[in-house]
């Protein structure tokens, strides 16, 4: 009977140990001050599209090619865009001349010409006035018809009006253009310059450049296709930053913090160790918890963690399984003190 009791106690202890180990799978690491997590390599991806609609002229890169920041990845047909720039530039040049003319005012030759016209109009008016007076005197003595004297008077008045018009034209020429006309011409010039800048921007957008160090993941269009902002041309996989996306249980969440040094291992390179650091810890659990939770449910909650890793030899690939080991013994107290220098960053 005593043996049966001992056997039951031993079995109960074994079952309790198995249950505790299942709920705390990293307990073995806890005794050594190390936390082991499992995850997959993750990177950022970019889909590049032209900011314009035109046919693609050239695409020199293929899938798998490594590109650097600023590399020319593709170009559109620029004939129509170049014509638009030339047309806008011609309008700007013409309007600049108009503004210069308004600011400079009348030329000296034009002023002298108007002066001569004023003098000629004055002589004509004086002569017409004298003729009118003579004929008026003759008409008063009934030597000529009154109609002839009236016609001479009208001619003299018309000559005086022309003389006043010539004098006003000379005054305006000396005063220059109105400030409102100059302001309107300058506003038109600014509008033409803005149109030129827009045309130049559209021409510049006909070239597609790499935004960062990356690898061509997919070539989605081909030369001759009609590009548009809604159609991606290339899909790029950025080579930096690169991280391991893993998850930590709620019970181990307090053992890590951003900046802690980490080591990453993969099955593809079992003897290779990659330096890394904890760069992000999700503020929320992956799944919405129930309103009433048991102890077992609470310990099953997980939080996403990003462990950034150095990949100077370009060996890690998207989706590759990886094992992350974090030293939680307390050797690194301050956030960021364990971050390694990758060289490539």
C-alpha atoms as a PDB file:
ATOM      1  CA  UNK A   1       0.000   0.000   0.000  1.00  0.00           C
ATOM      2  CA  UNK A   2       2.856   2.367   0.880  1.00  0.00           C
ATOM      3  CA  UNK A   3       4.538   1.658  -2.470  1.00  0.00           C
ATOM      4  CA  UNK A   4       1.345   2.523  -4.323  1.00  0.00           C
ATOM      5  CA  UNK A   5       1.116   5.840  -2.494  1.00  0.00           C
ATOM      6  CA  UNK A   6       4.748   6.640  -3.351  1.00  0.00           C
ATOM      7  CA  UNK A   7       4.148   5.725  -6.987  1.00  0.00           C
ATOM      8  CA  UNK A   8       1.078   7.991  -7.185  1.00  0.00           C
ATOM      9  CA  UNK A   9       3.032  10.870  -5.616  1.00  0.00           C
ATOM     10  CA  UNK A  10       5.906  10.421  -8.071  1.00  0.00           C
ATOM     11  CA  UNK A  11       3.569  10.309 -11.060  1.00  0.00           C
ATOM     12  CA  UNK A  12       1.736  13.418  -9.847  1.00  0.00           C
ATOM     13  CA  UNK A  13       5.057  15.223  -9.489  1.00  0.00           C
ATOM     14  CA  UNK A  14       6.080  14.225 -13.011  1.00  0.00           C
ATOM     15  CA  UNK A  15       2.751  15.395 -14.469  1.00  0.00           C
ATOM     16  CA  UNK A  16       3.001  18.708 -12.598  1.00  0.00           C
ATOM     17  CA  UNK A  17       6.523  19.187 -13.888  1.00  0.00           C
ATOM     18  CA  UNK A  18       5.489  18.470 -17.471  1.00  0.00           C
ATOM     19  CA  UNK A  19       2.572  20.932 -17.220  1.00  0.00           C
ATOM     20  CA  UNK A  20       4.814  23.622 -15.720  1.00  0.00           C
ATOM     21  CA  UNK A  21       7.463  23.044 -18.386  1.00  0.00           C
ATOM     22  CA  UNK A  22       4.820  23.261 -21.137  1.00  0.00           C
ATOM     23  CA  UNK A  23       3.620  26.619 -19.816  1.00  0.00           C
ATOM     24  CA  UNK A  24       7.221  27.859 -19.380  1.00  0.00           C
ATOM     25  CA  UNK A  25       9.167  26.414 -22.346  1.00  0.00           C
ATOM     26  CA  UNK A  26      12.116  28.794 -21.845  1.00  0.00           C
ATOM     27  CA  UNK A  27      12.651  27.920 -18.186  1.00  0.00           C
ATOM     28  CA  UNK A  28      15.876  26.155 -19.021  1.00  0.00           C
ATOM     29  CA  UNK A  29      17.219  29.343 -20.535  1.00  0.00           C
ATOM     30  CA  UNK A  30      16.072  31.375 -17.527  1.00  0.00           C
ATOM     31  CA  UNK A  31      18.478  29.521 -15.233  1.00  0.00           C
ATOM     32  CA  UNK A  32      21.364  30.422 -17.542  1.00  0.00           C
ATOM     33  CA  UNK A  33      20.242  34.027 -17.928  1.00  0.00           C
ATOM     34  CA  UNK A  34      19.495  33.569 -21.626  1.00  0.00           C
ATOM     35  CA  UNK A  35      16.250  33.771 -23.579  1.00  0.00           C
ATOM     36  CA  UNK A  36      15.868  31.780 -26.798  1.00  0.00           C
ATOM     37  CA  UNK A  37      13.277  32.818 -29.379  1.00  0.00           C
ATOM     38  CA  UNK A  38      12.356  31.391 -32.771  1.00  0.00           C
ATOM     39  CA  UNK A  39      11.287  33.407 -35.791  1.00  0.00           C
ATOM     40  CA  UNK A  40      11.870  34.298 -39.431  1.00  0.00           C
ATOM     41  CA  UNK A  41      13.997  36.835 -41.251  1.00  0.00           C
ATOM     42  CA  UNK A  42      12.001  39.830 -42.420  1.00  0.00           C
ATOM     43  CA  UNK A  43      12.794  42.861 -44.592  1.00  0.00           C
ATOM     44  CA  UNK A  44      11.048  45.901 -46.038  1.00  0.00           C
ATOM     45  CA  UNK A  45       9.788  45.774 -49.605  1.00  0.00           C
ATOM     46  CA  UNK A  46       9.166  48.695 -51.954  1.00  0.00           C
ATOM     47  CA  UNK A  47       7.112  48.848 -55.138  1.00  0.00           C
ATOM     48  CA  UNK A  48       8.423  51.599 -57.415  1.00  0.00           C
ATOM     49  CA  UNK A  49       6.209  53.367 -59.958  1.00  0.00           C
ATOM     50  CA  UNK A  50       6.672  56.380 -62.233  1.00  0.00           C
ATOM     51  CA  UNK A  51       5.001  59.631 -61.225  1.00  0.00           C
ATOM     52  CA  UNK A  52       3.661  60.100 -64.747  1.00  0.00           C
ATOM     53  CA  UNK A  53       2.055  58.345 -67.706  1.00  0.00           C
ATOM     54  CA  UNK A  54       4.208  57.523 -70.715  1.00  0.00           C
ATOM     55  CA  UNK A  55       5.669  54.489 -72.462  1.00  0.00           C
ATOM     56  CA  UNK A  56       8.710  52.886 -70.849  1.00  0.00           C
ATOM     57  CA  UNK A  57      11.850  53.313 -72.950  1.00  0.00           C
ATOM     58  CA  UNK A  58      14.465  51.285 -71.027  1.00  0.00           C
ATOM     59  CA  UNK A  59      14.820  49.012 -67.985  1.00  0.00           C
ATOM     60  CA  UNK A  60      18.453  47.890 -67.581  1.00  0.00           C
ATOM     61  CA  UNK A  61      18.064  45.766 -64.406  1.00  0.00           C
ATOM     62  CA  UNK A  62      16.815  42.192 -64.029  1.00  0.00           C
ATOM     63  CA  UNK A  63      15.491  40.132 -61.107  1.00  0.00           C
ATOM     64  CA  UNK A  64      18.212  39.407 -58.573  1.00  0.00           C
ATOM     65  CA  UNK A  65      20.370  42.408 -59.506  1.00  0.00           C
ATOM     66  CA  UNK A  66      21.716  44.368 -56.567  1.00  0.00           C
ATOM     67  CA  UNK A  67      21.210  48.132 -56.914  1.00  0.00           C
ATOM     68  CA  UNK A  68      22.577  51.087 -54.979  1.00  0.00           C
ATOM     69  CA  UNK A  69      20.878  54.279 -53.875  1.00  0.00           C
ATOM     70  CA  UNK A  70      20.581  56.646 -56.842  1.00  0.00           C
ATOM     71  CA  UNK A  71      20.958  54.009 -59.577  1.00  0.00           C
ATOM     72  CA  UNK A  72      18.839  54.697 -62.672  1.00  0.00           C
ATOM     73  CA  UNK A  73      16.386  51.783 -62.796  1.00  0.00           C
ATOM     74  CA  UNK A  74      14.132  52.803 -65.709  1.00  0.00           C
ATOM     75  CA  UNK A  75      13.303  55.682 -68.064  1.00  0.00           C
ATOM     76  CA  UNK A  76      10.244  56.810 -69.986  1.00  0.00           C
ATOM     77  CA  UNK A  77      10.042  58.129 -73.538  1.00  0.00           C
ATOM     78  CA  UNK A  78      10.899  61.832 -73.076  1.00  0.00           C
ATOM     79  CA  UNK A  79      10.090  63.359 -76.484  1.00  0.00           C
ATOM     80  CA  UNK A  80       6.694  64.787 -75.546  1.00  0.00           C
ATOM     81  CA  UNK A  81       7.927  65.899 -72.133  1.00  0.00           C
ATOM     82  CA  UNK A  82      10.941  67.665 -73.630  1.00  0.00           C
ATOM     83  CA  UNK A  83       8.722  69.536 -76.089  1.00  0.00           C
ATOM     84  CA  UNK A  84       6.559  70.709 -73.189  1.00  0.00           C
ATOM     85  CA  UNK A  85       9.648  72.027 -71.404  1.00  0.00           C
ATOM     86  CA  UNK A  86      10.851  73.850 -74.522  1.00  0.00           C
ATOM     87  CA  UNK A  87       7.429  75.434 -75.062  1.00  0.00           C
ATOM     88  CA  UNK A  88       7.192  76.594 -71.448  1.00  0.00           C
ATOM     89  CA  UNK A  89      10.739  77.974 -71.571  1.00  0.00           C
ATOM     90  CA  UNK A  90       9.900  79.994 -74.697  1.00  0.00           C
ATOM     91  CA  UNK A  91       6.840  81.508 -72.998  1.00  0.00           C
ATOM     92  CA  UNK A  92       8.942  82.477 -70.005  1.00  0.00           C
ATOM     93  CA  UNK A  93      11.557  84.138 -72.194  1.00  0.00           C
ATOM     94  CA  UNK A  94       8.938  86.118 -74.122  1.00  0.00           C
ATOM     95  CA  UNK A  95       7.223  87.310 -70.942  1.00  0.00           C
ATOM     96  CA  UNK A  96      10.543  88.334 -69.412  1.00  0.00           C
ATOM     97  CA  UNK A  97      11.077  90.637 -72.369  1.00  0.00           C
ATOM     98  CA  UNK A  98       7.617  92.128 -71.836  1.00  0.00           C
ATOM     99  CA  UNK A  99       8.396  92.810 -68.178  1.00  0.00           C
ATOM    100  CA  UNK A 100      11.758  94.337 -69.122  1.00  0.00           C
ATOM    101  CA  UNK A 101      10.028  96.580 -71.647  1.00  0.00           C
ATOM    102  CA  UNK A 102       7.483  97.766 -69.078  1.00  0.00           C
ATOM    103  CA  UNK A 103      10.175  98.472 -66.485  1.00  0.00           C
ATOM    104  CA  UNK A 104      12.416 100.314 -68.962  1.00  0.00           C
ATOM    105  CA  UNK A 105       9.613 102.565 -70.244  1.00  0.00           C
ATOM    106  CA  UNK A 106       9.690 104.335 -73.620  1.00  0.00           C
ATOM    107  CA  UNK A 107      12.919 104.473 -75.603  1.00  0.00           C
ATOM    108  CA  UNK A 108      14.582 107.884 -76.123  1.00  0.00           C
ATOM    109  CA  UNK A 109      13.915 107.591 -79.854  1.00  0.00           C
ATOM    110  CA  UNK A 110      10.202 107.183 -79.204  1.00  0.00           C
ATOM    111  CA  UNK A 111      10.192 110.248 -76.925  1.00  0.00           C
ATOM    112  CA  UNK A 112      11.957 112.359 -79.560  1.00  0.00           C
ATOM    113  CA  UNK A 113       9.512 111.164 -82.192  1.00  0.00           C
ATOM    114  CA  UNK A 114       6.568 112.245 -80.039  1.00  0.00           C
ATOM    115  CA  UNK A 115       8.248 115.586 -79.417  1.00  0.00           C
ATOM    116  CA  UNK A 116       8.484 116.143 -83.149  1.00  0.00           C
ATOM    117  CA  UNK A 117       4.823 115.195 -83.584  1.00  0.00           C
ATOM    118  CA  UNK A 118       3.871 117.703 -80.874  1.00  0.00           C
ATOM    119  CA  UNK A 119       5.854 120.434 -82.620  1.00  0.00           C
ATOM    120  CA  UNK A 120       4.292 119.622 -86.000  1.00  0.00           C
ATOM    121  CA  UNK A 121       0.802 119.600 -84.463  1.00  0.00           C
ATOM    122  CA  UNK A 122       1.517 122.945 -82.813  1.00  0.00           C
ATOM    123  CA  UNK A 123       2.587 124.547 -86.094  1.00  0.00           C
ATOM    124  CA  UNK A 124      -0.484 123.154 -87.837  1.00  0.00           C
ATOM    125  CA  UNK A 125      -2.773 124.423 -85.086  1.00  0.00           C
ATOM    126  CA  UNK A 126      -1.211 127.902 -85.114  1.00  0.00           C
ATOM    127  CA  UNK A 127      -1.495 128.153 -88.886  1.00  0.00           C
ATOM    128  CA  UNK A 128      -5.125 126.960 -88.820  1.00  0.00           C
ATOM    129  CA  UNK A 129      -5.922 129.537 -86.118  1.00  0.00           C
ATOM    130  CA  UNK A 130      -4.463 132.393 -88.187  1.00  0.00           C
ATOM    131  CA  UNK A 131      -6.311 131.237 -91.294  1.00  0.00           C
ATOM    132  CA  UNK A 132      -9.572 131.055 -89.341  1.00  0.00           C
ATOM    133  CA  UNK A 133      -9.137 134.600 -88.060  1.00  0.00           C
ATOM    134  CA  UNK A 134      -8.474 136.016 -91.519  1.00  0.00           C
ATOM    135  CA  UNK A 135     -11.490 134.306 -93.027  1.00  0.00           C
ATOM    136  CA  UNK A 136     -13.671 135.372 -90.133  1.00  0.00           C
ATOM    137  CA  UNK A 137     -12.688 139.000 -90.773  1.00  0.00           C
ATOM    138  CA  UNK A 138     -13.461 138.673 -94.483  1.00  0.00           C
ATOM    139  CA  UNK A 139     -16.805 137.047 -93.723  1.00  0.00           C
ATOM    140  CA  UNK A 140     -17.676 139.912 -91.355  1.00  0.00           C
ATOM    141  CA  UNK A 141     -17.153 142.351 -94.280  1.00  0.00           C
ATOM    142  CA  UNK A 142     -19.268 140.123 -96.584  1.00  0.00           C
ATOM    143  CA  UNK A 143     -16.270 139.467 -98.806  1.00  0.00           C
ATOM    144  CA  UNK A 144     -16.586 135.662 -98.512  1.00  0.00           C
ATOM    145  CA  UNK A 145     -19.437 133.353 -97.612  1.00  0.00           C
ATOM    146  CA  UNK A 146     -19.918 132.707 -93.873  1.00  0.00           C
ATOM    147  CA  UNK A 147     -19.727 128.979 -94.545  1.00  0.00           C
ATOM    148  CA  UNK A 148     -16.090 129.302 -95.609  1.00  0.00           C
ATOM    149  CA  UNK A 149     -15.235 131.073 -92.351  1.00  0.00           C
ATOM    150  CA  UNK A 150     -17.047 128.391 -90.332  1.00  0.00           C
ATOM    151  CA  UNK A 151     -15.094 125.622 -92.092  1.00  0.00           C
ATOM    152  CA  UNK A 152     -11.824 127.405 -91.292  1.00  0.00           C
ATOM    153  CA  UNK A 153     -12.881 127.663 -87.626  1.00  0.00           C
ATOM    154  CA  UNK A 154     -13.612 123.925 -87.496  1.00  0.00           C
ATOM    155  CA  UNK A 155     -10.254 123.135 -89.073  1.00  0.00           C
ATOM    156  CA  UNK A 156      -8.492 125.279 -86.472  1.00  0.00           C
ATOM    157  CA  UNK A 157     -10.313 123.551 -83.587  1.00  0.00           C
ATOM    158  CA  UNK A 158      -9.430 120.108 -84.975  1.00  0.00           C
ATOM    159  CA  UNK A 159      -5.783 121.093 -85.269  1.00  0.00           C
ATOM    160  CA  UNK A 160      -5.743 122.228 -81.643  1.00  0.00           C
ATOM    161  CA  UNK A 161      -7.281 118.917 -80.547  1.00  0.00           C
ATOM    162  CA  UNK A 162      -4.588 116.967 -82.415  1.00  0.00           C
ATOM    163  CA  UNK A 163      -1.942 119.137 -80.793  1.00  0.00           C
ATOM    164  CA  UNK A 164      -3.320 118.363 -77.314  1.00  0.00           C
ATOM    165  CA  UNK A 165      -3.460 114.620 -78.135  1.00  0.00           C
ATOM    166  CA  UNK A 166       0.185 114.672 -79.252  1.00  0.00           C
ATOM    167  CA  UNK A 167       1.178 116.498 -76.058  1.00  0.00           C
ATOM    168  CA  UNK A 168      -0.632 113.911 -73.903  1.00  0.00           C
ATOM    169  CA  UNK A 169       1.073 111.069 -75.756  1.00  0.00           C
ATOM    170  CA  UNK A 170       4.440 112.695 -75.056  1.00  0.00           C
ATOM    171  CA  UNK A 171       3.595 113.055 -71.359  1.00  0.00           C
ATOM    172  CA  UNK A 172       2.613 109.369 -71.075  1.00  0.00           C
ATOM    173  CA  UNK A 173       5.787 108.303 -72.832  1.00  0.00           C
ATOM    174  CA  UNK A 174       7.872 110.262 -70.366  1.00  0.00           C
ATOM    175  CA  UNK A 175       5.892 108.921 -67.378  1.00  0.00           C
ATOM    176  CA  UNK A 176       6.307 105.284 -68.452  1.00  0.00           C
ATOM    177  CA  UNK A 177       3.866 102.378 -68.075  1.00  0.00           C
ATOM    178  CA  UNK A 178       1.304 102.220 -65.291  1.00  0.00           C
ATOM    179  CA  UNK A 179       2.352 100.267 -62.178  1.00  0.00           C
ATOM    180  CA  UNK A 180      -0.755  98.093 -62.555  1.00  0.00           C
ATOM    181  CA  UNK A 181       0.382  97.024 -66.045  1.00  0.00           C
ATOM    182  CA  UNK A 182       3.863  96.229 -64.734  1.00  0.00           C
ATOM    183  CA  UNK A 183       2.407  94.179 -61.850  1.00  0.00           C
ATOM    184  CA  UNK A 184       0.160  92.241 -64.244  1.00  0.00           C
ATOM    185  CA  UNK A 185       3.105  91.480 -66.541  1.00  0.00           C
ATOM    186  CA  UNK A 186       5.208  90.291 -63.593  1.00  0.00           C
ATOM    187  CA  UNK A 187       2.360  88.061 -62.360  1.00  0.00           C
ATOM    188  CA  UNK A 188       2.067  86.520 -65.815  1.00  0.00           C
ATOM    189  CA  UNK A 189       5.821  85.887 -65.757  1.00  0.00           C
ATOM    190  CA  UNK A 190       5.577  84.087 -62.417  1.00  0.00           C
ATOM    191  CA  UNK A 191       2.765  81.902 -63.758  1.00  0.00           C
ATOM    192  CA  UNK A 192       4.836  81.029 -66.827  1.00  0.00           C
ATOM    193  CA  UNK A 193       7.858  80.216 -64.619  1.00  0.00           C
ATOM    194  CA  UNK A 194       5.710  77.927 -62.466  1.00  0.00           C
ATOM    195  CA  UNK A 195       4.487  76.151 -65.599  1.00  0.00           C
ATOM    196  CA  UNK A 196       8.097  75.725 -66.716  1.00  0.00           C
ATOM    197  CA  UNK A 197       9.081  74.285 -63.318  1.00  0.00           C
ATOM    198  CA  UNK A 198       6.180  71.828 -63.527  1.00  0.00           C
ATOM    199  CA  UNK A 199       7.216  70.729 -67.019  1.00  0.00           C
ATOM    200  CA  UNK A 200      10.809  70.269 -65.823  1.00  0.00           C
ATOM    201  CA  UNK A 201       9.602  68.233 -62.843  1.00  0.00           C
ATOM    202  CA  UNK A 202       7.567  65.990 -65.142  1.00  0.00           C
ATOM    203  CA  UNK A 203      10.648  65.512 -67.321  1.00  0.00           C
ATOM    204  CA  UNK A 204      12.752  64.632 -64.294  1.00  0.00           C
ATOM    205  CA  UNK A 205      10.088  62.152 -63.132  1.00  0.00           C
ATOM    206  CA  UNK A 206      10.613  60.274 -66.391  1.00  0.00           C
ATOM    207  CA  UNK A 207      13.653  58.683 -64.721  1.00  0.00           C
ATOM    208  CA  UNK A 208      13.141  56.151 -61.907  1.00  0.00           C
ATOM    209  CA  UNK A 209      15.943  55.856 -59.335  1.00  0.00           C
ATOM    210  CA  UNK A 210      16.652  53.362 -56.567  1.00  0.00           C
ATOM    211  CA  UNK A 211      15.677  54.847 -53.185  1.00  0.00           C
ATOM    212  CA  UNK A 212      18.181  52.755 -51.192  1.00  0.00           C
ATOM    213  CA  UNK A 213      20.428  49.694 -51.270  1.00  0.00           C
ATOM    214  CA  UNK A 214      18.200  46.866 -52.487  1.00  0.00           C
ATOM    215  CA  UNK A 215      17.799  43.751 -54.608  1.00  0.00           C
ATOM    216  CA  UNK A 216      15.448  43.607 -57.599  1.00  0.00           C
ATOM    217  CA  UNK A 217      12.774  41.181 -56.452  1.00  0.00           C
ATOM    218  CA  UNK A 218      10.352  41.419 -59.393  1.00  0.00           C
ATOM    219  CA  UNK A 219      10.347  43.172 -62.760  1.00  0.00           C
ATOM    220  CA  UNK A 220       6.663  43.913 -63.167  1.00  0.00           C
ATOM    221  CA  UNK A 221       6.627  45.852 -66.470  1.00  0.00           C
ATOM    222  CA  UNK A 222       8.688  45.826 -69.657  1.00  0.00           C
ATOM    223  CA  UNK A 223       9.915  48.456 -72.160  1.00  0.00           C
ATOM    224  CA  UNK A 224       6.984  49.483 -74.333  1.00  0.00           C
ATOM    225  CA  UNK A 225       4.438  49.143 -71.548  1.00  0.00           C
ATOM    226  CA  UNK A 226       2.455  52.230 -70.616  1.00  0.00           C
ATOM    227  CA  UNK A 227       3.557  53.340 -67.152  1.00  0.00           C
ATOM    228  CA  UNK A 228       1.366  55.181 -64.662  1.00  0.00           C
ATOM    229  CA  UNK A 229       1.505  56.048 -60.957  1.00  0.00           C
ATOM    230  CA  UNK A 230      -0.872  53.149 -60.261  1.00  0.00           C
ATOM    231  CA  UNK A 231       1.349  50.496 -61.931  1.00  0.00           C
ATOM    232  CA  UNK A 232       4.555  49.415 -60.194  1.00  0.00           C
ATOM    233  CA  UNK A 233       7.593  48.882 -62.419  1.00  0.00           C
ATOM    234  CA  UNK A 234       9.907  47.101 -59.977  1.00  0.00           C
ATOM    235  CA  UNK A 235       9.491  45.394 -56.634  1.00  0.00           C
ATOM    236  CA  UNK A 236      12.566  45.922 -54.448  1.00  0.00           C
ATOM    237  CA  UNK A 237      13.728  44.098 -51.338  1.00  0.00           C
ATOM    238  CA  UNK A 238      15.667  46.547 -49.172  1.00  0.00           C
ATOM    239  CA  UNK A 239      18.893  45.052 -47.819  1.00  0.00           C
ATOM    240  CA  UNK A 240      18.863  47.254 -44.737  1.00  0.00           C
ATOM    241  CA  UNK A 241      17.419  47.240 -42.175  1.00  0.00           C
ATOM    242  CA  UNK A 242      16.978  43.491 -41.772  1.00  0.00           C
ATOM    243  CA  UNK A 243      15.459  41.840 -38.729  1.00  0.00           C
ATOM    244  CA  UNK A 244      14.152  38.582 -37.310  1.00  0.00           C
ATOM    245  CA  UNK A 245      10.443  38.703 -36.569  1.00  0.00           C
ATOM    246  CA  UNK A 246       9.812  36.601 -33.494  1.00  0.00           C
ATOM    247  CA  UNK A 247       7.402  36.450 -30.555  1.00  0.00           C
ATOM    248  CA  UNK A 248       7.886  36.493 -26.805  1.00  0.00           C
ATOM    249  CA  UNK A 249       5.463  35.144 -24.235  1.00  0.00           C
ATOM    250  CA  UNK A 250       3.769  37.406 -21.732  1.00  0.00           C
ATOM    251  CA  UNK A 251       5.728  35.871 -18.848  1.00  0.00           C
ATOM    252  CA  UNK A 252       9.061  36.698 -20.534  1.00  0.00           C
ATOM    253  CA  UNK A 253       8.078  40.176 -21.716  1.00  0.00           C
ATOM    254  CA  UNK A 254       9.730  41.878 -18.730  1.00  0.00           C
ATOM    255  CA  UNK A 255      13.076  40.206 -19.371  1.00  0.00           C
ATOM    256  CA  UNK A 256      13.865  42.132 -22.555  1.00  0.00           C
ATOM    257  CA  UNK A 257      13.967  45.762 -23.611  1.00  0.00           C
ATOM    258  CA  UNK A 258      14.950  47.647 -26.802  1.00  0.00           C
ATOM    259  CA  UNK A 259      18.675  47.861 -27.367  1.00  0.00           C
ATOM    260  CA  UNK A 260      19.624  44.547 -25.764  1.00  0.00           C
ATOM    261  CA  UNK A 261      22.335  42.645 -27.629  1.00  0.00           C
ATOM    262  CA  UNK A 262      21.269  39.426 -29.344  1.00  0.00           C
ATOM    263  CA  UNK A 263      22.776  36.578 -31.345  1.00  0.00           C
ATOM    264  CA  UNK A 264      21.089  35.060 -34.381  1.00  0.00           C
ATOM    265  CA  UNK A 265      21.676  31.586 -35.797  1.00  0.00           C
ATOM    266  CA  UNK A 266      20.197  29.880 -38.859  1.00  0.00           C
ATOM    267  CA  UNK A 267      20.011  26.302 -40.118  1.00  0.00           C
ATOM    268  CA  UNK A 268      21.548  27.356 -43.437  1.00  0.00           C
ATOM    269  CA  UNK A 269      24.744  28.545 -41.751  1.00  0.00           C
ATOM    270  CA  UNK A 270      24.868  26.602 -38.454  1.00  0.00           C
ATOM    271  CA  UNK A 271      28.415  27.708 -37.612  1.00  0.00           C
ATOM    272  CA  UNK A 272      27.740  31.364 -38.376  1.00  0.00           C
ATOM    273  CA  UNK A 273      26.745  33.831 -35.642  1.00  0.00           C
ATOM    274  CA  UNK A 274      25.085  37.118 -36.572  1.00  0.00           C
ATOM    275  CA  UNK A 275      25.189  40.064 -34.198  1.00  0.00           C
ATOM    276  CA  UNK A 276      21.901  41.812 -33.521  1.00  0.00           C
ATOM    277  CA  UNK A 277      19.896  43.842 -31.056  1.00  0.00           C
ATOM    278  CA  UNK A 278      16.297  44.163 -29.914  1.00  0.00           C
ATOM    279  CA  UNK A 279      14.874  47.021 -31.955  1.00  0.00           C
ATOM    280  CA  UNK A 280      11.118  46.826 -31.406  1.00  0.00           C
ATOM    281  CA  UNK A 281       8.699  45.276 -28.937  1.00  0.00           C
ATOM    282  CA  UNK A 282       5.018  45.429 -29.820  1.00  0.00           C
ATOM    283  CA  UNK A 283       2.925  47.385 -27.308  1.00  0.00           C
ATOM    284  CA  UNK A 284      -0.041  45.054 -27.829  1.00  0.00           C
ATOM    285  CA  UNK A 285      -0.633  41.314 -27.860  1.00  0.00           C
ATOM    286  CA  UNK A 286      -1.212  39.570 -31.145  1.00  0.00           C
ATOM    287  CA  UNK A 287      -4.763  38.506 -30.213  1.00  0.00           C
ATOM    288  CA  UNK A 288      -7.452  40.419 -28.349  1.00  0.00           C
ATOM    289  CA  UNK A 289      -7.782  38.832 -24.893  1.00  0.00           C
ATOM    290  CA  UNK A 290     -11.129  37.659 -23.511  1.00  0.00           C
ATOM    291  CA  UNK A 291     -12.942  39.736 -20.925  1.00  0.00           C
ATOM    292  CA  UNK A 292     -12.456  36.927 -18.382  1.00  0.00           C
ATOM    293  CA  UNK A 293      -9.121  35.116 -18.573  1.00  0.00           C
ATOM    294  CA  UNK A 294      -7.711  32.169 -16.764  1.00  0.00           C
ATOM    295  CA  UNK A 295      -4.085  32.060 -15.720  1.00  0.00           C
ATOM    296  CA  UNK A 296      -3.304  29.670 -18.593  1.00  0.00           C
ATOM    297  CA  UNK A 297      -4.767  32.038 -21.224  1.00  0.00           C
ATOM    298  CA  UNK A 298      -2.818  35.005 -19.903  1.00  0.00           C
ATOM    299  CA  UNK A 299       0.493  33.162 -20.115  1.00  0.00           C
ATOM    300  CA  UNK A 300      -0.305  32.112 -23.700  1.00  0.00           C
ATOM    301  CA  UNK A 301      -0.420  35.723 -24.972  1.00  0.00           C
ATOM    302  CA  UNK A 302       2.500  36.671 -27.220  1.00  0.00           C
ATOM    303  CA  UNK A 303       4.015  39.981 -28.370  1.00  0.00           C
ATOM    304  CA  UNK A 304       5.881  40.591 -31.601  1.00  0.00           C
ATOM    305  CA  UNK A 305       9.572  41.426 -31.278  1.00  0.00           C
ATOM    306  CA  UNK A 306      11.915  42.647 -34.008  1.00  0.00           C
ATOM    307  CA  UNK A 307      15.544  41.728 -33.511  1.00  0.00           C
ATOM    308  CA  UNK A 308      17.622  43.714 -35.992  1.00  0.00           C
ATOM    309  CA  UNK A 309      20.582  41.782 -37.310  1.00  0.00           C
ATOM    310  CA  UNK A 310      23.810  42.547 -39.158  1.00  0.00           C
ATOM    311  CA  UNK A 311      23.944  40.984 -42.632  1.00  0.00           C
ATOM    312  CA  UNK A 312      27.207  42.337 -44.030  1.00  0.00           C
ATOM    313  CA  UNK A 313      27.842  39.162 -46.061  1.00  0.00           C
ATOM    314  CA  UNK A 314      24.313  39.174 -47.547  1.00  0.00           C
ATOM    315  CA  UNK A 315      23.577  35.630 -46.416  1.00  0.00           C
ATOM    316  CA  UNK A 316      20.189  36.093 -44.782  1.00  0.00           C
ATOM    317  CA  UNK A 317      17.086  35.881 -46.949  1.00  0.00           C
ATOM    318  CA  UNK A 318      13.440  36.843 -46.525  1.00  0.00           C
ATOM    319  CA  UNK A 319      11.491  34.178 -44.610  1.00  0.00           C
ATOM    320  CA  UNK A 320      14.584  32.226 -43.486  1.00  0.00           C
ATOM    321  CA  UNK A 321      13.988  30.503 -40.098  1.00  0.00           C
ATOM    322  CA  UNK A 322      16.252  31.849 -37.362  1.00  0.00           C
ATOM    323  CA  UNK A 323      16.970  31.329 -33.679  1.00  0.00           C
ATOM    324  CA  UNK A 324      17.531  34.390 -31.494  1.00  0.00           C
ATOM    325  CA  UNK A 325      19.417  34.204 -28.222  1.00  0.00           C
ATOM    326  CA  UNK A 326      19.243  37.171 -25.829  1.00  0.00           C
ATOM    327  CA  UNK A 327      21.372  37.586 -22.721  1.00  0.00           C
ATOM    328  CA  UNK A 328      18.955  38.477 -19.909  1.00  0.00           C
ATOM    329  CA  UNK A 329      21.447  38.135 -17.061  1.00  0.00           C
ATOM    330  CA  UNK A 330      21.460  41.916 -16.500  1.00  0.00           C
ATOM    331  CA  UNK A 331      24.912  42.666 -17.893  1.00  0.00           C
ATOM    332  CA  UNK A 332      23.425  45.393 -20.088  1.00  0.00           C
ATOM    333  CA  UNK A 333      21.236  47.726 -18.094  1.00  0.00           C
ATOM    334  CA  UNK A 334      20.862  50.762 -20.316  1.00  0.00           C
ATOM    335  CA  UNK A 335      18.745  50.671 -23.466  1.00  0.00           C
ATOM    336  CA  UNK A 336      20.893  50.788 -26.597  1.00  0.00           C
ATOM    337  CA  UNK A 337      24.176  49.806 -24.859  1.00  0.00           C
ATOM    338  CA  UNK A 338      24.217  46.398 -26.519  1.00  0.00           C
ATOM    339  CA  UNK A 339      23.704  47.556 -30.104  1.00  0.00           C
ATOM    340  CA  UNK A 340      26.583  46.361 -32.310  1.00  0.00           C
ATOM    341  CA  UNK A 341      28.228  48.259 -35.133  1.00  0.00           C
ATOM    342  CA  UNK A 342      27.255  46.476 -38.344  1.00  0.00           C
ATOM    343  CA  UNK A 343      29.474  48.511 -40.605  1.00  0.00           C
ATOM    344  CA  UNK A 344      26.817  48.475 -43.348  1.00  0.00           C
ATOM    345  CA  UNK A 345      24.437  50.629 -41.290  1.00  0.00           C
END
